[in-house]
Amino acid sequence: MTLGLKGIVVRDLVREESATSEILGTVLLFRLIGAAIATLISYSVSSYLCCIIHSPNAKTGGGNANESPIRAVSLATKFILSLSA
């Protein structure tokens, strides 16, 4: 998901050819900030899910307790990546 950024970038590149490096640098910065925010959200969601899974009142149904955080991070990351596709 680019939130309409591709169209704006192409339009601006066509309109102002002299500002190509400035436009592309700004787009790179926006995408890096977006990736950092998505990573933080993914980590927060996975931490929250781990707290729910490992709470004393939760009934996990067995299995290795170390697999749950990995699974939660994996699911949260797949969800975030599916939003950006």
PDB file of N, CA and C in Angstrom:
ATOM      1  N   MET A   1       0.847  -1.161   0.000  1.00  0.00           N
ATOM      2  CA  MET A   1       0.000   0.000   0.000  1.00  0.00           C
ATOM      3  C   MET A   1       0.900   1.233   0.000  1.00  0.00           C
ATOM      4  N   THR A   2       0.696   2.097  -0.964  1.00  0.00           N
ATOM      5  CA  THR A   2       1.513   3.301  -1.059  1.00  0.00           C
ATOM      6  C   THR A   2       0.723   4.557  -0.720  1.00  0.00           C
ATOM      7  N   LEU A   3      -0.547   4.403  -0.393  1.00  0.00           N
ATOM      8  CA  LEU A   3      -1.404   5.531  -0.033  1.00  0.00           C
ATOM      9  C   LEU A   3      -1.432   6.608  -1.112  1.00  0.00           C
ATOM     10  N   GLY A   4      -1.383   6.188  -2.373  1.00  0.00           N
ATOM     11  CA  GLY A   4      -1.447   7.126  -3.484  1.00  0.00           C
ATOM     12  C   GLY A   4      -0.142   7.837  -3.769  1.00  0.00           C
ATOM     13  N   LEU A   5       0.927   7.404  -3.143  1.00  0.00           N
ATOM     14  CA  LEU A   5       2.210   8.080  -3.288  1.00  0.00           C
ATOM     15  C   LEU A   5       2.797   7.906  -4.685  1.00  0.00           C
ATOM     16  N   LYS A   6       2.573   6.753  -5.311  1.00  0.00           N
ATOM     17  CA  LYS A   6       3.139   6.505  -6.636  1.00  0.00           C
ATOM     18  C   LYS A   6       2.640   7.517  -7.669  1.00  0.00           C
ATOM     19  N   GLY A   7       1.354   7.741  -7.661  1.00  0.00           N
ATOM     20  CA  GLY A   7       0.787   8.689  -8.620  1.00  0.00           C
ATOM     21  C   GLY A   7       1.300  10.102  -8.427  1.00  0.00           C
ATOM     22  N   ILE A   8       1.422  10.511  -7.181  1.00  0.00           N
ATOM     23  CA  ILE A   8       1.928  11.854  -6.880  1.00  0.00           C
ATOM     24  C   ILE A   8       3.383  11.979  -7.294  1.00  0.00           C
ATOM     25  N   VAL A   9       4.165  10.938  -7.038  1.00  0.00           N
ATOM     26  CA  VAL A   9       5.585  10.972  -7.388  1.00  0.00           C
ATOM     27  C   VAL A   9       5.766  11.048  -8.894  1.00  0.00           C
ATOM     28  N   VAL A  10       5.045  10.230  -9.624  1.00  0.00           N
ATOM     29  CA  VAL A  10       5.152  10.248 -11.087  1.00  0.00           C
ATOM     30  C   VAL A  10       4.744  11.615 -11.623  1.00  0.00           C
ATOM     31  N   ARG A  11       3.663  12.161 -11.101  1.00  0.00           N
ATOM     32  CA  ARG A  11       3.206  13.478 -11.550  1.00  0.00           C
ATOM     33  C   ARG A  11       4.255  14.546 -11.285  1.00  0.00           C
ATOM     34  N   ASP A  12       4.830  14.534 -10.083  1.00  0.00           N
ATOM     35  CA  ASP A  12       5.829  15.536  -9.739  1.00  0.00           C
ATOM     36  C   ASP A  12       7.124  15.358 -10.534  1.00  0.00           C
ATOM     37  N   LEU A  13       7.496  14.104 -10.805  1.00  0.00           N
ATOM     38  CA  LEU A  13       8.692  13.876 -11.616  1.00  0.00           C
ATOM     39  C   LEU A  13       8.518  14.387 -13.040  1.00  0.00           C
ATOM     40  N   VAL A  14       7.321  14.246 -13.579  1.00  0.00           N
ATOM     41  CA  VAL A  14       7.052  14.739 -14.930  1.00  0.00           C
ATOM     42  C   VAL A  14       7.013  16.267 -14.937  1.00  0.00           C
ATOM     43  N   ARG A  15       6.402  16.853 -13.926  1.00  0.00           N
ATOM     44  CA  ARG A  15       6.289  18.324 -13.866  1.00  0.00           C
ATOM     45  C   ARG A  15       7.620  19.015 -13.611  1.00  0.00           C
ATOM     46  N   GLU A  16       8.414  18.452 -12.694  1.00  0.00           N
ATOM     47  CA  GLU A  16       9.664  19.116 -12.298  1.00  0.00           C
ATOM     48  C   GLU A  16      10.829  18.140 -12.432  1.00  0.00           C
ATOM     49  N   GLU A  17      11.357  18.036 -13.634  1.00  0.00           N
ATOM     50  CA  GLU A  17      12.458  17.119 -13.889  1.00  0.00           C
ATOM     51  C   GLU A  17      13.730  17.533 -13.147  1.00  0.00           C
ATOM     52  N   SER A  18      13.882  18.800 -12.859  1.00  0.00           N
ATOM     53  CA  SER A  18      15.097  19.277 -12.196  1.00  0.00           C
ATOM     54  C   SER A  18      15.148  18.882 -10.716  1.00  0.00           C
ATOM     55  N   ALA A  19      14.007  18.555 -10.122  1.00  0.00           N
ATOM     56  CA  ALA A  19      13.946  18.221  -8.697  1.00  0.00           C
ATOM     57  C   ALA A  19      13.836  16.710  -8.474  1.00  0.00           C
ATOM     58  N   THR A  20      14.361  15.930  -9.407  1.00  0.00           N
ATOM     59  CA  THR A  20      14.223  14.476  -9.326  1.00  0.00           C
ATOM     60  C   THR A  20      14.836  13.911  -8.055  1.00  0.00           C
ATOM     61  N   SER A  21      16.057  14.306  -7.745  1.00  0.00           N
ATOM     62  CA  SER A  21      16.718  13.744  -6.559  1.00  0.00           C
ATOM     63  C   SER A  21      16.016  14.162  -5.269  1.00  0.00           C
ATOM     64  N   GLU A  22      15.510  15.373  -5.224  1.00  0.00           N
ATOM     65  CA  GLU A  22      14.788  15.833  -4.035  1.00  0.00           C
ATOM     66  C   GLU A  22      13.479  15.062  -3.858  1.00  0.00           C
ATOM     67  N   ILE A  23      12.762  14.848  -4.939  1.00  0.00           N
ATOM     68  CA  ILE A  23      11.492  14.119  -4.882  1.00  0.00           C
ATOM     69  C   ILE A  23      11.731  12.666  -4.463  1.00  0.00           C
ATOM     70  N   LEU A  24      12.701  12.016  -5.096  1.00  0.00           N
ATOM     71  CA  LEU A  24      12.969  10.620  -4.773  1.00  0.00           C
ATOM     72  C   LEU A  24      13.514  10.459  -3.354  1.00  0.00           C
ATOM     73  N   GLY A  25      14.303  11.429  -2.893  1.00  0.00           N
ATOM     74  CA  GLY A  25      14.791  11.390  -1.516  1.00  0.00           C
ATOM     75  C   GLY A  25      13.665  11.514  -0.508  1.00  0.00           C
ATOM     76  N   THR A  26      12.712  12.383  -0.800  1.00  0.00           N
ATOM     77  CA  THR A  26      11.562  12.559   0.078  1.00  0.00           C
ATOM     78  C   THR A  26      10.710  11.294   0.113  1.00  0.00           C
ATOM     79  N   VAL A  27      10.518  10.675  -1.047  1.00  0.00           N
ATOM     80  CA  VAL A  27       9.741   9.438  -1.113  1.00  0.00           C
ATOM     81  C   VAL A  27      10.436   8.334  -0.318  1.00  0.00           C
ATOM     82  N   LEU A  28      11.752   8.246  -0.462  1.00  0.00           N
ATOM     83  CA  LEU A  28      12.500   7.242   0.296  1.00  0.00           C
ATOM     84  C   LEU A  28      12.340   7.469   1.794  1.00  0.00           C
ATOM     85  N   LEU A  29      12.435   8.709   2.218  1.00  0.00           N
ATOM     86  CA  LEU A  29      12.261   9.033   3.630  1.00  0.00           C
ATOM     87  C   LEU A  29      10.864   8.649   4.119  1.00  0.00           C
ATOM     88  N   PHE A  30       9.839   8.973   3.351  1.00  0.00           N
ATOM     89  CA  PHE A  30       8.466   8.623   3.728  1.00  0.00           C
ATOM     90  C   PHE A  30       8.302   7.109   3.832  1.00  0.00           C
ATOM     91  N   ARG A  31       8.885   6.375   2.892  1.00  0.00           N
ATOM     92  CA  ARG A  31       8.747   4.916   2.918  1.00  0.00           C
ATOM     93  C   ARG A  31       9.500   4.311   4.091  1.00  0.00           C
ATOM     94  N   LEU A  32      10.670   4.857   4.431  1.00  0.00           N
ATOM     95  CA  LEU A  32      11.414   4.369   5.585  1.00  0.00           C
ATOM     96  C   LEU A  32      10.662   4.639   6.884  1.00  0.00           C
ATOM     97  N   ILE A  33      10.076   5.814   6.996  1.00  0.00           N
ATOM     98  CA  ILE A  33       9.277   6.139   8.183  1.00  0.00           C
ATOM     99  C   ILE A  33       8.071   5.209   8.270  1.00  0.00           C
ATOM    100  N   GLY A  34       7.425   4.967   7.137  1.00  0.00           N
ATOM    101  CA  GLY A  34       6.287   4.039   7.115  1.00  0.00           C
ATOM    102  C   GLY A  34       6.686   2.633   7.521  1.00  0.00           C
ATOM    103  N   ALA A  35       7.854   2.186   7.057  1.00  0.00           N
ATOM    104  CA  ALA A  35       8.343   0.852   7.421  1.00  0.00           C
ATOM    105  C   ALA A  35       8.646   0.781   8.916  1.00  0.00           C
ATOM    106  N   ALA A  36       9.218   1.849   9.459  1.00  0.00           N
ATOM    107  CA  ALA A  36       9.512   1.866  10.902  1.00  0.00           C
ATOM    108  C   ALA A  36       8.224   1.826  11.721  1.00  0.00           C
ATOM    109  N   ILE A  37       7.232   2.575  11.300  1.00  0.00           N
ATOM    110  CA  ILE A  37       5.950   2.577  12.004  1.00  0.00           C
ATOM    111  C   ILE A  37       5.288   1.200  11.913  1.00  0.00           C
ATOM    112  N   ALA A  38       5.336   0.585  10.725  1.00  0.00           N
ATOM    113  CA  ALA A  38       4.757  -0.754  10.561  1.00  0.00           C
ATOM    114  C   ALA A  38       5.480  -1.773  11.433  1.00  0.00           C
ATOM    115  N   THR A  39       6.803  -1.642  11.551  1.00  0.00           N
ATOM    116  CA  THR A  39       7.570  -2.545  12.401  1.00  0.00           C
ATOM    117  C   THR A  39       7.184  -2.372  13.861  1.00  0.00           C
ATOM    118  N   LEU A  40       7.038  -1.133  14.299  1.00  0.00           N
ATOM    119  CA  LEU A  40       6.631  -0.879  15.687  1.00  0.00           C
ATOM    120  C   LEU A  40       5.239  -1.422  15.971  1.00  0.00           C
ATOM    121  N   ILE A  41       4.336  -1.246  15.039  1.00  0.00           N
ATOM    122  CA  ILE A  41       2.979  -1.766  15.210  1.00  0.00           C
ATOM    123  C   ILE A  41       3.018  -3.294  15.266  1.00  0.00           C
ATOM    124  N   SER A  42       3.792  -3.901  14.377  1.00  0.00           N
ATOM    125  CA  SER A  42       3.910  -5.359  14.361  1.00  0.00           C
ATOM    126  C   SER A  42       4.472  -5.872  15.677  1.00  0.00           C
ATOM    127  N   TYR A  43       5.506  -5.223  16.179  1.00  0.00           N
ATOM    128  CA  TYR A  43       6.102  -5.634  17.449  1.00  0.00           C
ATOM    129  C   TYR A  43       5.108  -5.452  18.601  1.00  0.00           C
ATOM    130  N   SER A  44       4.390  -4.343  18.589  1.00  0.00           N
ATOM    131  CA  SER A  44       3.420  -4.088  19.654  1.00  0.00           C
ATOM    132  C   SER A  44       2.298  -5.120  19.654  1.00  0.00           C
ATOM    133  N   VAL A  45       1.796  -5.422  18.472  1.00  0.00           N
ATOM    134  CA  VAL A  45       0.721  -6.410  18.369  1.00  0.00           C
ATOM    135  C   VAL A  45       1.216  -7.783  18.809  1.00  0.00           C
ATOM    136  N   SER A  46       2.418  -8.155  18.378  1.00  0.00           N
ATOM    137  CA  SER A  46       2.932  -9.469  18.766  1.00  0.00           C
ATOM    138  C   SER A  46       3.200  -9.539  20.264  1.00  0.00           C
ATOM    139  N   SER A  47       3.684  -8.445  20.859  1.00  0.00           N
ATOM    140  CA  SER A  47       3.893  -8.429  22.310  1.00  0.00           C
ATOM    141  C   SER A  47       2.564  -8.558  23.045  1.00  0.00           C
ATOM    142  N   TYR A  48       1.558  -7.871  22.556  1.00  0.00           N
ATOM    143  CA  TYR A  48       0.233  -7.943  23.161  1.00  0.00           C
ATOM    144  C   TYR A  48      -0.323  -9.360  23.067  1.00  0.00           C
ATOM    145  N   LEU A  49      -0.166  -9.973  21.887  1.00  0.00           N
ATOM    146  CA  LEU A  49      -0.651 -11.335  21.711  1.00  0.00           C
ATOM    147  C   LEU A  49       0.093 -12.309  22.614  1.00  0.00           C
ATOM    148  N   CYS A  50       1.379 -12.089  22.794  1.00  0.00           N
ATOM    149  CA  CYS A  50       2.159 -12.959  23.688  1.00  0.00           C
ATOM    150  C   CYS A  50       1.674 -12.820  25.124  1.00  0.00           C
ATOM    151  N   CYS A  51       1.344 -11.595  25.528  1.00  0.00           N
ATOM    152  CA  CYS A  51       0.831 -11.391  26.887  1.00  0.00           C
ATOM    153  C   CYS A  51      -0.499 -12.108  27.078  1.00  0.00           C
ATOM    154  N   ILE A  52      -1.331 -12.075  26.062  1.00  0.00           N
ATOM    155  CA  ILE A  52      -2.617 -12.759  26.151  1.00  0.00           C
ATOM    156  C   ILE A  52      -2.415 -14.268  26.193  1.00  0.00           C
ATOM    157  N   ILE A  53      -1.528 -14.772  25.339  1.00  0.00           N
ATOM    158  CA  ILE A  53      -1.295 -16.211  25.256  1.00  0.00           C
ATOM    159  C   ILE A  53      -0.690 -16.743  26.548  1.00  0.00           C
ATOM    160  N   HIS A  54       0.210 -15.979  27.141  1.00  0.00           N
ATOM    161  CA  HIS A  54       0.924 -16.456  28.324  1.00  0.00           C
ATOM    162  C   HIS A  54       0.331 -15.966  29.638  1.00  0.00           C
ATOM    163  N   SER A  55      -0.864 -15.404  29.602  1.00  0.00           N
ATOM    164  CA  SER A  55      -1.480 -14.979  30.850  1.00  0.00           C
ATOM    165  C   SER A  55      -1.868 -16.215  31.665  1.00  0.00           C
ATOM    166  N   PRO A  56      -1.899 -16.088  32.985  1.00  0.00           N
ATOM    167  CA  PRO A  56      -2.208 -17.258  33.831  1.00  0.00           C
ATOM    168  C   PRO A  56      -3.599 -17.843  33.577  1.00  0.00           C
ATOM    169  N   ASN A  57      -4.517 -17.036  33.079  1.00  0.00           N
ATOM    170  CA  ASN A  57      -5.883 -17.507  32.860  1.00  0.00           C
ATOM    171  C   ASN A  57      -6.086 -18.127  31.478  1.00  0.00           C
ATOM    172  N   ALA A  58      -5.059 -18.007  30.599  1.00  0.00           N
ATOM    173  CA  ALA A  58      -5.210 -18.520  29.231  1.00  0.00           C
ATOM    174  C   ALA A  58      -5.047 -20.029  29.203  1.00  0.00           C
ATOM    175  N   LYS A  59      -5.852 -20.660  28.392  1.00  0.00           N
ATOM    176  CA  LYS A  59      -5.744 -22.111  28.199  1.00  0.00           C
ATOM    177  C   LYS A  59      -5.098 -22.330  26.835  1.00  0.00           C
ATOM    178  N   THR A  60      -3.829 -22.680  26.850  1.00  0.00           N
ATOM    179  CA  THR A  60      -3.077 -22.756  25.598  1.00  0.00           C
ATOM    180  C   THR A  60      -3.229 -24.089  24.892  1.00  0.00           C
ATOM    181  N   GLY A  61      -3.536 -25.124  25.587  1.00  0.00           N
ATOM    182  CA  GLY A  61      -3.695 -26.413  24.938  1.00  0.00           C
ATOM    183  C   GLY A  61      -2.392 -27.144  24.706  1.00  0.00           C
ATOM    184  N   GLY A  62      -1.344 -26.764  25.420  1.00  0.00           N
ATOM    185  CA  GLY A  62      -0.075 -27.481  25.312  1.00  0.00           C
ATOM    186  C   GLY A  62       0.832 -26.890  24.263  1.00  0.00           C
ATOM    187  N   GLY A  63       1.909 -27.578  23.983  1.00  0.00           N
ATOM    188  CA  GLY A  63       2.880 -27.121  23.004  1.00  0.00           C
ATOM    189  C   GLY A  63       4.045 -26.437  23.683  1.00  0.00           C
ATOM    190  N   ASN A  64       5.015 -26.088  22.893  1.00  0.00           N
ATOM    191  CA  ASN A  64       6.214 -25.433  23.396  1.00  0.00           C
ATOM    192  C   ASN A  64       5.910 -23.958  23.643  1.00  0.00           C
ATOM    193  N   ALA A  65       6.185 -23.478  24.832  1.00  0.00           N
ATOM    194  CA  ALA A  65       5.887 -22.085  25.179  1.00  0.00           C
ATOM    195  C   ALA A  65       6.746 -21.113  24.393  1.00  0.00           C
ATOM    196  N   ASN A  66       7.934 -21.545  23.933  1.00  0.00           N
ATOM    197  CA  ASN A  66       8.809 -20.657  23.170  1.00  0.00           C
ATOM    198  C   ASN A  66       8.333 -20.451  21.742  1.00  0.00           C
ATOM    199  N   GLU A  67       7.453 -21.287  21.237  1.00  0.00           N
ATOM    200  CA  GLU A  67       6.958 -21.142  19.877  1.00  0.00           C
ATOM    201  C   GLU A  67       5.902 -20.048  19.768  1.00  0.00           C
ATOM    202  N   SER A  68       5.194 -19.760  20.830  1.00  0.00           N
ATOM    203  CA  SER A  68       4.103 -18.784  20.774  1.00  0.00           C
ATOM    204  C   SER A  68       4.565 -17.383  20.390  1.00  0.00           C
ATOM    205  N   PRO A  69       5.637 -16.827  20.981  1.00  0.00           N
ATOM    206  CA  PRO A  69       6.078 -15.497  20.558  1.00  0.00           C
ATOM    207  C   PRO A  69       6.510 -15.467  19.101  1.00  0.00           C
ATOM    208  N   ILE A  70       7.174 -16.511  18.645  1.00  0.00           N
ATOM    209  CA  ILE A  70       7.608 -16.561  17.251  1.00  0.00           C
ATOM    210  C   ILE A  70       6.404 -16.598  16.334  1.00  0.00           C
ATOM    211  N   ARG A  71       5.432 -17.376  16.689  1.00  0.00           N
ATOM    212  CA  ARG A  71       4.207 -17.470  15.888  1.00  0.00           C
ATOM    213  C   ARG A  71       3.467 -16.132  15.870  1.00  0.00           C
ATOM    214  N   ALA A  72       3.404 -15.467  17.017  1.00  0.00           N
ATOM    215  CA  ALA A  72       2.709 -14.180  17.093  1.00  0.00           C
ATOM    216  C   ALA A  72       3.410 -13.139  16.239  1.00  0.00           C
ATOM    217  N   VAL A  73       4.739 -13.098  16.288  1.00  0.00           N
ATOM    218  CA  VAL A  73       5.493 -12.143  15.467  1.00  0.00           C
ATOM    219  C   VAL A  73       5.289 -12.455  13.996  1.00  0.00           C
ATOM    220  N   SER A  74       5.299 -13.734  13.655  1.00  0.00           N
ATOM    221  CA  SER A  74       5.099 -14.137  12.271  1.00  0.00           C
ATOM    222  C   SER A  74       3.730 -13.713  11.751  1.00  0.00           C
ATOM    223  N   LEU A  75       2.696 -13.950  12.537  1.00  0.00           N
ATOM    224  CA  LEU A  75       1.342 -13.571  12.115  1.00  0.00           C
ATOM    225  C   LEU A  75       1.194 -12.064  11.996  1.00  0.00           C
ATOM    226  N   ALA A  76       1.739 -11.330  12.950  1.00  0.00           N
ATOM    227  CA  ALA A  76       1.645  -9.865  12.910  1.00  0.00           C
ATOM    228  C   ALA A  76       2.406  -9.306  11.718  1.00  0.00           C
ATOM    229  N   THR A  77       3.582  -9.855  11.419  1.00  0.00           N
ATOM    230  CA  THR A  77       4.371  -9.393  10.296  1.00  0.00           C
ATOM    231  C   THR A  77       3.669  -9.700   8.976  1.00  0.00           C
ATOM    232  N   LYS A  78       3.092 -10.884   8.855  1.00  0.00           N
ATOM    233  CA  LYS A  78       2.359 -11.229   7.635  1.00  0.00           C
ATOM    234  C   LYS A  78       1.171 -10.288   7.444  1.00  0.00           C
ATOM    235  N   PHE A  79       0.504  -9.938   8.540  1.00  0.00           N
ATOM    236  CA  PHE A  79      -0.629  -9.020   8.438  1.00  0.00           C
ATOM    237  C   PHE A  79      -0.180  -7.648   7.946  1.00  0.00           C
ATOM    238  N   ILE A  80       0.893  -7.120   8.519  1.00  0.00           N
ATOM    239  CA  ILE A  80       1.402  -5.804   8.115  1.00  0.00           C
ATOM    240  C   ILE A  80       1.861  -5.829   6.674  1.00  0.00           C
ATOM    241  N   LEU A  81       2.550  -6.886   6.263  1.00  0.00           N
ATOM    242  CA  LEU A  81       3.016  -6.988   4.879  1.00  0.00           C
ATOM    243  C   LEU A  81       1.856  -7.123   3.908  1.00  0.00           C
ATOM    244  N   SER A  82       0.781  -7.766   4.329  1.00  0.00           N
ATOM    245  CA  SER A  82      -0.376  -7.888   3.442  1.00  0.00           C
ATOM    246  C   SER A  82      -1.033  -6.527   3.216  1.00  0.00           C
ATOM    247  N   LEU A  83      -0.898  -5.628   4.178  1.00  0.00           N
ATOM    248  CA  LEU A  83      -1.443  -4.282   4.000  1.00  0.00           C
ATOM    249  C   LEU A  83      -0.644  -3.478   2.997  1.00  0.00           C
ATOM    250  N   SER A  84       0.658  -3.741   2.929  1.00  0.00           N
ATOM    251  CA  SER A  84       1.504  -2.952   2.044  1.00  0.00           C
ATOM    252  C   SER A  84       1.576  -3.510   0.630  1.00  0.00           C
ATOM    253  N   ALA A  85       0.949  -4.657   0.386  1.00  0.00           N
ATOM    254  CA  ALA A  85       1.010  -5.264  -0.950  1.00  0.00           C
ATOM    255  C   ALA A  85       0.045  -4.621  -1.898  1.00  0.00           C
TER     256      ALA A  85
END
